[in-house]
Amino acid sequence: MVHRDASLYGTVHVLMDGYEAQLRESFDVLQTTGDLTLGSLGSIDITGDLPNSTFGWWAAAAVPGPGGEGAFLRLTVVPEPASALLALLAIAALLGRRPRR
């Protein structure tokens, strides 16, 4: 818990210690009683363990606390960009192979 405002710059290193997170699962890893700023461009770097051994990546966000009081640093499991692109290409290929009348 950080009392007052906090600004995070640099890198968050994640260690999952064998835990396999699921898609869209979230973890609140820091709480403030004031505002929370993530880097100069609104983001931070995340290194360390992937959320799952077969898919996913981390997205970091500063989210308001309950009742708008304070903020949380929330890490959420999201599809990695390459997997999402591959899924879109597969859907396009399937749509292109439909029988025509």
N, C-alpha and C. Protein backbone atom coordinates (compact mmCIF):
# COMPACT_ATOMS: atom_id res chain seq x y z
N MET A 1 0.85 -1.17 0.00
CA MET A 1 0.00 0.00 0.00
C MET A 1 0.89 1.24 0.00
N VAL A 2 0.62 2.12 -0.93
CA VAL A 2 1.32 3.40 -0.99
C VAL A 2 0.35 4.47 -0.51
N HIS A 3 0.71 5.17 0.52
CA HIS A 3 -0.13 6.25 1.02
C HIS A 3 0.20 7.52 0.25
N ARG A 4 -0.79 8.05 -0.43
CA ARG A 4 -0.70 9.22 -1.31
C ARG A 4 -0.54 8.78 -2.76
N ASP A 5 -0.03 9.70 -3.60
CA ASP A 5 0.13 9.45 -5.04
C ASP A 5 1.38 8.60 -5.31
N ALA A 6 1.36 7.90 -6.45
CA ALA A 6 2.53 7.11 -6.86
C ALA A 6 2.70 7.21 -8.37
N SER A 7 3.95 7.27 -8.80
CA SER A 7 4.30 7.23 -10.23
C SER A 7 5.26 6.07 -10.43
N LEU A 8 4.92 5.17 -11.35
CA LEU A 8 5.76 4.01 -11.62
C LEU A 8 6.44 4.18 -12.96
N TYR A 9 7.75 4.04 -12.97
CA TYR A 9 8.54 4.10 -14.19
C TYR A 9 9.42 2.87 -14.22
N GLY A 10 9.71 2.37 -15.40
CA GLY A 10 10.61 1.23 -15.50
C GLY A 10 9.89 -0.06 -15.76
N THR A 11 10.24 -1.10 -14.98
CA THR A 11 9.80 -2.46 -15.27
C THR A 11 9.18 -3.12 -14.06
N VAL A 12 8.10 -3.88 -14.30
CA VAL A 12 7.52 -4.75 -13.28
C VAL A 12 7.94 -6.17 -13.66
N HIS A 13 8.56 -6.86 -12.74
CA HIS A 13 9.02 -8.23 -13.00
C HIS A 13 8.04 -9.19 -12.33
N VAL A 14 7.40 -10.05 -13.13
CA VAL A 14 6.36 -10.95 -12.65
C VAL A 14 6.93 -12.36 -12.47
N LEU A 15 6.69 -12.94 -11.30
CA LEU A 15 7.06 -14.33 -11.03
C LEU A 15 5.79 -15.10 -10.70
N MET A 16 5.45 -16.10 -11.52
CA MET A 16 4.22 -16.86 -11.32
C MET A 16 4.44 -18.12 -10.47
N ASP A 17 5.67 -18.55 -10.27
CA ASP A 17 6.00 -19.69 -9.42
C ASP A 17 5.16 -20.92 -9.75
N GLY A 18 4.98 -21.19 -11.07
CA GLY A 18 4.27 -22.37 -11.50
C GLY A 18 2.76 -22.20 -11.67
N TYR A 19 2.20 -21.11 -11.19
CA TYR A 19 0.75 -20.89 -11.34
C TYR A 19 0.42 -20.58 -12.79
N GLU A 20 -0.63 -21.20 -13.35
CA GLU A 20 -1.06 -20.99 -14.73
C GLU A 20 -2.32 -20.11 -14.72
N ALA A 21 -2.18 -18.85 -15.03
CA ALA A 21 -3.31 -17.93 -15.06
C ALA A 21 -4.17 -18.18 -16.30
N GLN A 22 -5.44 -17.83 -16.21
CA GLN A 22 -6.37 -17.99 -17.31
C GLN A 22 -6.58 -16.66 -18.02
N LEU A 23 -7.06 -16.72 -19.26
CA LEU A 23 -7.33 -15.52 -20.05
C LEU A 23 -8.30 -14.62 -19.30
N ARG A 24 -8.02 -13.33 -19.27
CA ARG A 24 -8.80 -12.28 -18.61
C ARG A 24 -8.72 -12.32 -17.08
N GLU A 25 -7.88 -13.18 -16.51
CA GLU A 25 -7.68 -13.18 -15.06
C GLU A 25 -6.86 -11.94 -14.69
N SER A 26 -7.21 -11.30 -13.58
CA SER A 26 -6.55 -10.05 -13.17
C SER A 26 -5.94 -10.20 -11.79
N PHE A 27 -4.87 -9.44 -11.58
CA PHE A 27 -4.17 -9.40 -10.30
C PHE A 27 -3.92 -7.95 -9.94
N ASP A 28 -4.39 -7.51 -8.78
CA ASP A 28 -4.07 -6.17 -8.28
C ASP A 28 -2.78 -6.28 -7.48
N VAL A 29 -1.72 -5.63 -7.97
CA VAL A 29 -0.40 -5.83 -7.36
C VAL A 29 0.10 -4.64 -6.57
N LEU A 30 -0.60 -3.51 -6.65
CA LEU A 30 -0.20 -2.33 -5.89
C LEU A 30 -1.43 -1.48 -5.66
N GLN A 31 -1.55 -0.91 -4.48
CA GLN A 31 -2.67 -0.04 -4.16
C GLN A 31 -2.14 1.29 -3.64
N THR A 32 -2.79 2.38 -4.05
CA THR A 32 -2.44 3.71 -3.55
C THR A 32 -3.68 4.34 -2.92
N THR A 33 -3.45 5.33 -2.07
CA THR A 33 -4.58 6.10 -1.55
C THR A 33 -4.82 7.34 -2.41
N GLY A 34 -3.88 7.64 -3.30
CA GLY A 34 -4.00 8.79 -4.20
C GLY A 34 -3.99 8.34 -5.65
N ASP A 35 -3.49 9.20 -6.52
CA ASP A 35 -3.42 8.90 -7.95
C ASP A 35 -2.27 7.94 -8.25
N LEU A 36 -2.42 7.20 -9.35
CA LEU A 36 -1.37 6.28 -9.81
C LEU A 36 -1.06 6.60 -11.26
N THR A 37 0.21 6.91 -11.55
CA THR A 37 0.67 7.22 -12.90
C THR A 37 1.61 6.12 -13.35
N LEU A 38 1.36 5.60 -14.57
CA LEU A 38 2.22 4.54 -15.12
C LEU A 38 3.12 5.11 -16.20
N GLY A 39 4.36 5.35 -15.89
CA GLY A 39 5.34 5.83 -16.87
C GLY A 39 4.97 7.17 -17.48
N SER A 40 5.85 7.66 -18.31
CA SER A 40 5.61 8.96 -18.94
C SER A 40 4.61 8.87 -20.07
N LEU A 41 4.40 7.66 -20.64
CA LEU A 41 3.45 7.48 -21.74
C LEU A 41 2.25 6.65 -21.32
N GLY A 42 2.02 6.49 -20.03
CA GLY A 42 0.87 5.76 -19.55
C GLY A 42 1.04 4.25 -19.57
N SER A 43 2.29 3.77 -19.66
CA SER A 43 2.51 2.33 -19.65
C SER A 43 3.84 2.02 -18.97
N ILE A 44 4.02 0.76 -18.63
CA ILE A 44 5.27 0.28 -18.05
C ILE A 44 5.65 -1.02 -18.74
N ASP A 45 6.91 -1.40 -18.63
CA ASP A 45 7.38 -2.66 -19.19
C ASP A 45 7.12 -3.78 -18.19
N ILE A 46 6.77 -4.96 -18.71
CA ILE A 46 6.54 -6.12 -17.86
C ILE A 46 7.46 -7.24 -18.34
N THR A 47 8.25 -7.77 -17.43
CA THR A 47 9.16 -8.87 -17.76
C THR A 47 8.88 -10.03 -16.81
N GLY A 48 9.58 -11.13 -17.03
CA GLY A 48 9.44 -12.28 -16.14
C GLY A 48 8.60 -13.36 -16.76
N ASP A 49 7.83 -14.04 -15.92
CA ASP A 49 7.05 -15.19 -16.35
C ASP A 49 5.84 -14.78 -17.17
N LEU A 50 5.54 -15.58 -18.19
CA LEU A 50 4.29 -15.43 -18.92
C LEU A 50 3.16 -15.92 -18.02
N PRO A 51 1.94 -15.44 -18.23
CA PRO A 51 0.85 -15.87 -17.35
C PRO A 51 0.48 -17.34 -17.52
N ASN A 52 0.76 -17.91 -18.70
CA ASN A 52 0.40 -19.29 -18.98
C ASN A 52 1.45 -19.85 -19.94
N SER A 53 1.72 -21.13 -19.85
CA SER A 53 2.78 -21.70 -20.69
C SER A 53 2.38 -21.84 -22.15
N THR A 54 1.08 -21.73 -22.47
CA THR A 54 0.65 -21.93 -23.85
C THR A 54 0.10 -20.68 -24.52
N PHE A 55 -0.28 -19.66 -23.77
CA PHE A 55 -0.84 -18.45 -24.38
C PHE A 55 -0.69 -17.27 -23.44
N GLY A 56 -0.95 -16.10 -23.97
CA GLY A 56 -1.15 -14.94 -23.13
C GLY A 56 0.06 -14.06 -22.89
N TRP A 57 -0.26 -12.86 -22.49
CA TRP A 57 0.70 -11.84 -22.11
C TRP A 57 0.03 -10.96 -21.08
N TRP A 58 0.77 -10.05 -20.49
CA TRP A 58 0.25 -9.16 -19.46
C TRP A 58 -0.11 -7.79 -20.03
N ALA A 59 -1.20 -7.22 -19.56
CA ALA A 59 -1.54 -5.83 -19.82
C ALA A 59 -1.62 -5.15 -18.46
N ALA A 60 -0.98 -4.00 -18.33
CA ALA A 60 -0.98 -3.26 -17.07
C ALA A 60 -1.89 -2.04 -17.19
N ALA A 61 -2.63 -1.75 -16.12
CA ALA A 61 -3.51 -0.58 -16.12
C ALA A 61 -3.63 -0.03 -14.71
N ALA A 62 -3.76 1.28 -14.63
CA ALA A 62 -4.08 1.93 -13.36
C ALA A 62 -5.59 2.06 -13.31
N VAL A 63 -6.22 1.38 -12.36
CA VAL A 63 -7.68 1.40 -12.25
C VAL A 63 -8.09 2.09 -10.95
N PRO A 64 -9.20 2.82 -10.99
CA PRO A 64 -9.66 3.51 -9.78
C PRO A 64 -10.04 2.52 -8.68
N GLY A 65 -9.80 2.93 -7.45
CA GLY A 65 -10.19 2.12 -6.31
C GLY A 65 -11.68 2.22 -6.05
N PRO A 66 -12.18 1.46 -5.08
CA PRO A 66 -13.60 1.48 -4.75
C PRO A 66 -14.08 2.89 -4.40
N GLY A 67 -15.19 3.28 -4.99
CA GLY A 67 -15.73 4.61 -4.71
C GLY A 67 -14.87 5.73 -5.26
N GLY A 68 -13.93 5.41 -6.15
CA GLY A 68 -13.06 6.43 -6.72
C GLY A 68 -11.93 6.85 -5.81
N GLU A 69 -11.77 6.16 -4.69
CA GLU A 69 -10.71 6.48 -3.74
C GLU A 69 -9.45 5.69 -4.06
N GLY A 70 -8.36 6.37 -4.34
CA GLY A 70 -7.10 5.70 -4.61
C GLY A 70 -7.11 5.00 -5.97
N ALA A 71 -6.13 4.10 -6.15
CA ALA A 71 -6.00 3.38 -7.42
C ALA A 71 -5.26 2.08 -7.20
N PHE A 72 -5.38 1.19 -8.17
CA PHE A 72 -4.69 -0.10 -8.15
C PHE A 72 -3.86 -0.24 -9.42
N LEU A 73 -2.72 -0.90 -9.33
CA LEU A 73 -2.01 -1.37 -10.51
C LEU A 73 -2.53 -2.77 -10.76
N ARG A 74 -3.23 -2.94 -11.88
CA ARG A 74 -3.85 -4.22 -12.22
C ARG A 74 -3.15 -4.84 -13.43
N LEU A 75 -2.71 -6.09 -13.27
CA LEU A 75 -2.16 -6.87 -14.37
C LEU A 75 -3.24 -7.85 -14.82
N THR A 76 -3.54 -7.85 -16.12
CA THR A 76 -4.58 -8.71 -16.68
C THR A 76 -3.98 -9.58 -17.78
N VAL A 77 -4.39 -10.84 -17.82
CA VAL A 77 -3.92 -11.77 -18.85
C VAL A 77 -4.71 -11.50 -20.13
N VAL A 78 -3.98 -11.20 -21.21
CA VAL A 78 -4.59 -10.93 -22.51
C VAL A 78 -3.93 -11.83 -23.55
N PRO A 79 -4.61 -12.07 -24.70
CA PRO A 79 -3.96 -12.86 -25.75
C PRO A 79 -2.74 -12.11 -26.27
N GLU A 80 -1.68 -12.84 -26.54
CA GLU A 80 -0.51 -12.16 -27.12
C GLU A 80 -0.87 -11.72 -28.53
N PRO A 81 -0.32 -10.61 -29.02
CA PRO A 81 -0.69 -10.08 -30.33
C PRO A 81 -0.52 -11.07 -31.47
N ALA A 82 0.53 -11.89 -31.47
CA ALA A 82 0.74 -12.84 -32.56
C ALA A 82 -0.36 -13.90 -32.60
N SER A 83 -0.83 -14.34 -31.45
CA SER A 83 -1.91 -15.34 -31.41
C SER A 83 -3.21 -14.75 -31.93
N ALA A 84 -3.50 -13.52 -31.56
CA ALA A 84 -4.72 -12.87 -32.03
C ALA A 84 -4.69 -12.70 -33.55
N LEU A 85 -3.54 -12.31 -34.09
CA LEU A 85 -3.41 -12.15 -35.54
C LEU A 85 -3.58 -13.48 -36.25
N LEU A 86 -2.99 -14.53 -35.71
CA LEU A 86 -3.12 -15.86 -36.30
C LEU A 86 -4.58 -16.32 -36.30
N ALA A 87 -5.31 -16.06 -35.22
CA ALA A 87 -6.72 -16.43 -35.16
C ALA A 87 -7.53 -15.67 -36.21
N LEU A 88 -7.27 -14.39 -36.39
CA LEU A 88 -7.98 -13.61 -37.41
C LEU A 88 -7.69 -14.13 -38.81
N LEU A 89 -6.44 -14.49 -39.08
CA LEU A 89 -6.10 -15.05 -40.39
C LEU A 89 -6.79 -16.39 -40.63
N ALA A 90 -6.89 -17.21 -39.60
CA ALA A 90 -7.57 -18.50 -39.73
C ALA A 90 -9.05 -18.31 -40.03
N ILE A 91 -9.68 -17.36 -39.37
CA ILE A 91 -11.10 -17.08 -39.62
C ILE A 91 -11.29 -16.58 -41.05
N ALA A 92 -10.42 -15.69 -41.50
CA ALA A 92 -10.51 -15.17 -42.87
C ALA A 92 -10.34 -16.30 -43.88
N ALA A 93 -9.42 -17.22 -43.63
CA ALA A 93 -9.21 -18.35 -44.54
C ALA A 93 -10.43 -19.26 -44.58
N LEU A 94 -11.06 -19.50 -43.44
CA LEU A 94 -12.26 -20.32 -43.41
C LEU A 94 -13.42 -19.66 -44.14
N LEU A 95 -13.57 -18.37 -43.96
CA LEU A 95 -14.65 -17.66 -44.66
C LEU A 95 -14.41 -17.66 -46.16
N GLY A 96 -13.17 -17.60 -46.58
CA GLY A 96 -12.84 -17.61 -48.00
C GLY A 96 -13.04 -18.96 -48.66
N ARG A 97 -13.14 -20.03 -47.88
CA ARG A 97 -13.29 -21.38 -48.42
C ARG A 97 -14.73 -21.85 -48.41
N ARG A 98 -15.67 -21.00 -48.05
CA ARG A 98 -17.09 -21.40 -48.07
C ARG A 98 -17.52 -21.75 -49.48
N PRO A 99 -18.36 -22.77 -49.62
CA PRO A 99 -18.86 -23.10 -50.96
C PRO A 99 -19.68 -21.95 -51.52
N ARG A 100 -19.50 -21.69 -52.78
CA ARG A 100 -20.24 -20.59 -53.44
C ARG A 100 -21.39 -21.18 -54.24
N ARG A 101 -22.47 -20.44 -54.32
CA ARG A 101 -23.65 -20.91 -55.05
C ARG A 101 -23.81 -20.16 -56.34
